[in-house]
Protein backbone atom coordinates (compact mmCIF):
# COMPACT_ATOMS: atom_id res chain seq x y z
CA MET A 1 137.30 -0.08 64.15
CA GLU A 2 135.85 -0.34 60.49
CA ARG A 3 138.38 1.36 57.81
CA GLU A 4 137.00 3.58 55.35
CA ALA A 5 137.51 1.82 51.49
CA ARG A 6 137.00 2.79 47.61
CA TRP A 7 136.67 0.57 44.61
CA TYR A 8 139.66 0.83 42.36
CA VAL A 9 140.05 -0.42 39.20
CA ILE A 10 142.73 -3.16 37.99
CA HIS A 11 143.62 -3.88 34.14
CA THR A 12 144.30 -7.55 33.63
CA TYR A 13 145.44 -9.57 30.84
CA SER A 14 142.01 -10.69 28.42
CA GLY A 15 140.80 -14.02 30.17
CA TYR A 16 142.75 -13.84 33.34
CA GLU A 17 140.28 -11.69 35.20
CA ASN A 18 138.77 -15.09 37.58
CA LYS A 19 142.21 -16.27 38.33
CA VAL A 20 143.34 -12.40 38.83
CA ALA A 21 140.11 -12.07 41.13
CA ALA A 22 141.16 -16.03 42.91
CA ASN A 23 144.76 -15.25 43.41
CA ILE A 24 144.05 -11.62 45.13
CA GLU A 25 141.09 -13.11 47.61
CA LYS A 26 143.98 -16.00 48.19
CA ILE A 27 146.56 -13.73 48.50
CA VAL A 28 144.57 -11.62 51.29
CA GLU A 29 143.31 -15.08 53.45
CA ASN A 30 146.72 -16.19 53.70
CA ARG A 31 148.17 -13.10 54.98
CA GLY A 32 145.32 -12.26 56.81
CA MET A 33 144.62 -9.08 54.89
CA GLN A 34 140.81 -8.61 54.85
CA ASP A 35 140.86 -5.80 56.51
CA GLN A 36 142.29 -4.15 53.77
CA ILE A 37 141.22 -5.74 50.72
CA MET A 38 137.68 -6.33 51.59
CA GLY A 39 136.37 -7.17 47.75
CA VAL A 40 137.10 -8.62 44.61
CA ASN A 41 134.40 -8.42 42.05
CA ILE A 42 134.06 -9.27 38.42
CA PRO A 43 130.61 -7.52 37.24
CA THR A 44 128.59 -10.02 35.04
CA GLU A 45 125.22 -10.20 33.16
CA ALA A 46 122.77 -13.14 32.50
CA VAL A 47 122.94 -13.09 28.51
CA THR A 48 120.50 -15.90 26.27
CA GLU A 49 122.45 -16.91 23.81
CA VAL A 50 120.36 -18.47 20.46
CA LYS A 51 122.31 -20.91 18.65
CA ALA A 52 122.35 -21.62 14.79
CA ASP A 53 120.04 -24.51 15.62
CA GLY A 54 117.76 -23.04 17.48
CA LYS A 55 118.69 -23.72 20.78
CA ARG A 56 119.12 -21.23 23.87
CA LYS A 57 121.68 -21.06 26.43
CA GLU A 58 122.23 -18.93 29.55
CA VAL A 59 125.17 -17.95 29.96
CA GLU A 60 127.00 -15.25 32.28
CA ARG A 61 128.72 -12.50 30.06
CA LYS A 62 131.59 -10.25 32.04
CA LEU A 63 130.87 -6.83 31.96
CA PHE A 64 134.06 -5.00 32.16
CA PRO A 65 136.00 -7.80 30.16
CA GLY A 66 140.05 -7.04 30.99
CA TYR A 67 139.09 -5.71 34.53
CA VAL A 68 138.86 -6.59 37.88
CA PHE A 69 136.94 -4.44 40.66
CA VAL A 70 138.83 -4.51 44.23
CA LYS A 71 137.48 -2.62 47.51
CA ILE A 72 140.98 -1.38 49.20
CA ALA A 73 140.86 0.17 52.46
CA VAL A 74 142.60 3.81 52.26
CA GLU A 75 145.06 6.16 54.16
CA PHE A 76 144.07 9.97 53.73
CA ASP A 77 146.91 12.53 52.71
CA ASP A 78 147.42 15.65 53.63
CA ASP A 79 145.43 17.09 51.12
CA ASP A 80 142.57 14.55 52.17
CA MET A 81 142.81 12.71 48.99
CA PRO A 82 142.21 8.77 49.33
CA LYS A 83 145.21 6.81 49.08
CA ILE A 84 145.60 2.81 49.26
CA THR A 85 149.00 1.80 51.54
CA ASP A 86 151.91 0.69 49.86
CA GLU A 87 151.44 -2.98 51.11
CA CYS A 88 148.19 -3.47 49.15
CA TRP A 89 149.44 -1.79 46.07
CA TRP A 90 152.08 -3.85 46.01
CA LEU A 91 149.96 -7.17 46.51
CA VAL A 92 147.63 -6.18 43.90
CA ARG A 93 150.10 -5.11 41.39
CA ASN A 94 152.62 -8.52 41.51
CA VAL A 95 149.48 -10.62 41.00
CA ARG A 96 150.31 -12.73 37.86
CA GLY A 97 148.24 -11.32 35.21
CA VAL A 98 147.72 -7.74 36.52
CA THR A 99 149.00 -5.17 33.91
CA GLY A 100 148.19 -1.82 36.45
CA PHE A 101 145.88 0.04 38.20
CA VAL A 102 143.36 2.28 36.29
CA GLY A 103 144.34 5.92 37.11
CA PRO A 104 146.58 8.62 35.96
CA ASP A 105 150.26 7.62 35.36
CA ASN A 106 149.31 4.28 36.42
CA ARG A 107 148.48 5.38 40.09
CA PRO A 108 145.72 3.87 41.59
CA ALA A 109 142.07 6.27 41.35
CA PRO A 110 138.88 5.54 42.90
CA LEU A 111 135.38 5.32 41.54
CA ASP A 112 132.91 7.70 43.14
CA GLU A 113 130.43 5.80 44.80
CA GLU A 114 127.63 6.76 42.37
CA LYS A 115 129.62 5.32 39.77
CA VAL A 116 129.91 1.73 41.33
CA ILE A 117 126.30 1.48 41.85
CA GLU A 118 125.81 2.02 38.53
CA MET A 119 128.29 -0.25 37.03
CA GLY A 120 127.00 -3.06 39.17
CA VAL A 121 130.49 -3.38 41.06
CA GLU A 122 128.40 -3.29 44.29
CA GLU A 123 124.37 -3.23 45.21
CA ARG A 124 123.78 -0.80 47.47
CA ARG A 125 120.42 -1.75 49.69
CA VAL A 126 118.57 1.37 50.85
CA GLU A 127 115.28 1.00 53.39
CA VAL A 128 112.65 3.62 53.41
CA SER A 129 110.46 4.48 55.91
CA TYR A 130 108.24 6.80 53.57
CA GLU A 131 105.42 5.46 50.78
CA VAL A 132 103.58 6.81 48.12
CA GLY A 133 101.52 9.63 49.04
CA ASP A 134 103.83 10.87 52.05
CA THR A 135 105.43 14.31 52.38
CA VAL A 136 109.06 14.01 52.06
CA ASN A 137 112.41 16.23 52.89
CA ILE A 138 115.11 16.23 49.89
CA ILE A 139 118.51 16.13 50.93
CA HIS A 140 120.17 16.04 47.32
CA PRO A 141 122.09 19.37 47.45
CA ASN A 142 120.25 20.51 43.80
CA PHE A 143 117.12 20.17 45.67
CA GLU A 144 118.28 20.63 49.33
CA GLY A 145 115.28 22.78 51.99
CA PHE A 146 112.78 21.32 48.74
CA THR A 147 109.93 19.28 50.18
CA GLY A 148 107.57 16.72 48.01
CA ARG A 149 105.31 14.38 48.04
CA VAL A 150 106.11 10.57 46.87
CA GLU A 151 104.66 9.77 43.50
CA SER A 152 106.01 6.37 43.02
CA ILE A 153 109.00 4.01 44.73
CA ASN A 154 111.19 1.77 42.39
CA THR A 155 113.37 -0.67 44.80
CA GLU A 156 114.91 -2.83 41.94
CA GLN A 157 116.46 0.82 40.63
CA GLY A 158 116.60 2.17 44.05
CA THR A 159 114.78 5.36 42.90
CA VAL A 160 111.67 7.27 44.11
CA LYS A 161 109.80 10.02 42.46
CA ILE A 162 108.87 13.10 44.16
CA ALA A 163 106.41 15.71 43.10
CA ILE A 164 108.12 19.04 44.33
CA THR A 165 105.96 22.48 44.33
CA ALA A 166 108.73 25.10 42.80
CA LEU A 167 108.18 28.65 41.92
CA PHE A 168 104.82 29.92 41.11
CA GLY A 169 103.02 26.62 42.68
CA LYS A 170 104.23 24.70 39.40
CA GLU A 171 104.12 20.57 40.41
CA THR A 172 107.57 19.34 38.72
CA ILE A 173 108.03 15.46 39.11
CA THR A 174 111.96 14.79 39.69
CA GLU A 175 113.24 10.99 40.07
CA LEU A 176 115.86 10.72 43.12
CA ALA A 177 117.76 7.89 44.42
CA MET A 178 115.83 6.50 47.73
CA ASP A 179 118.48 8.22 49.61
CA TRP A 180 118.35 11.24 48.53
CA VAL A 181 114.80 11.79 50.60
CA GLU A 182 113.96 11.33 54.06
CA PRO A 183 110.80 11.36 55.87
CA LEU A 184 109.18 14.47 56.98
CA ASN A 185 109.39 14.79 60.78
């Protein structure tokens, strides 16, 4: 049975991000907790540095220095709020270099899925069965019940531009995430 998991952010001493991530991964492997802690990520970007002598060098730079992202299985409390187990909290919190979870009163607060994608923590792949010119159904809450024509698809950004015929027959172009659109049956 696959458990639901959420991404959490932990704060580390500056420069300890890689050590913290490696230690968490090692502890998870040693204790067989892969079903509870499902991923560790330090988002990076490739940057070209130009030195004073004109030489170019490709380096990988951390997007969020001092932070590590951890995907942890959650349980839901009586208010239907996600909560990590005490064992996972203790494991992560007691890794050398970790100063705590990011959240109110040092309590872990999960990131919402849109932020995870936006921040580059986890890549989402969406395969679509529609193409430019097709009529599609929009399932985004703001446009629920509307249909539109696909104007363009940007697979790199995971977005699609839709021409929606709104009130009074006026056509409006709207950009949505690919998974907010489905083919019209």
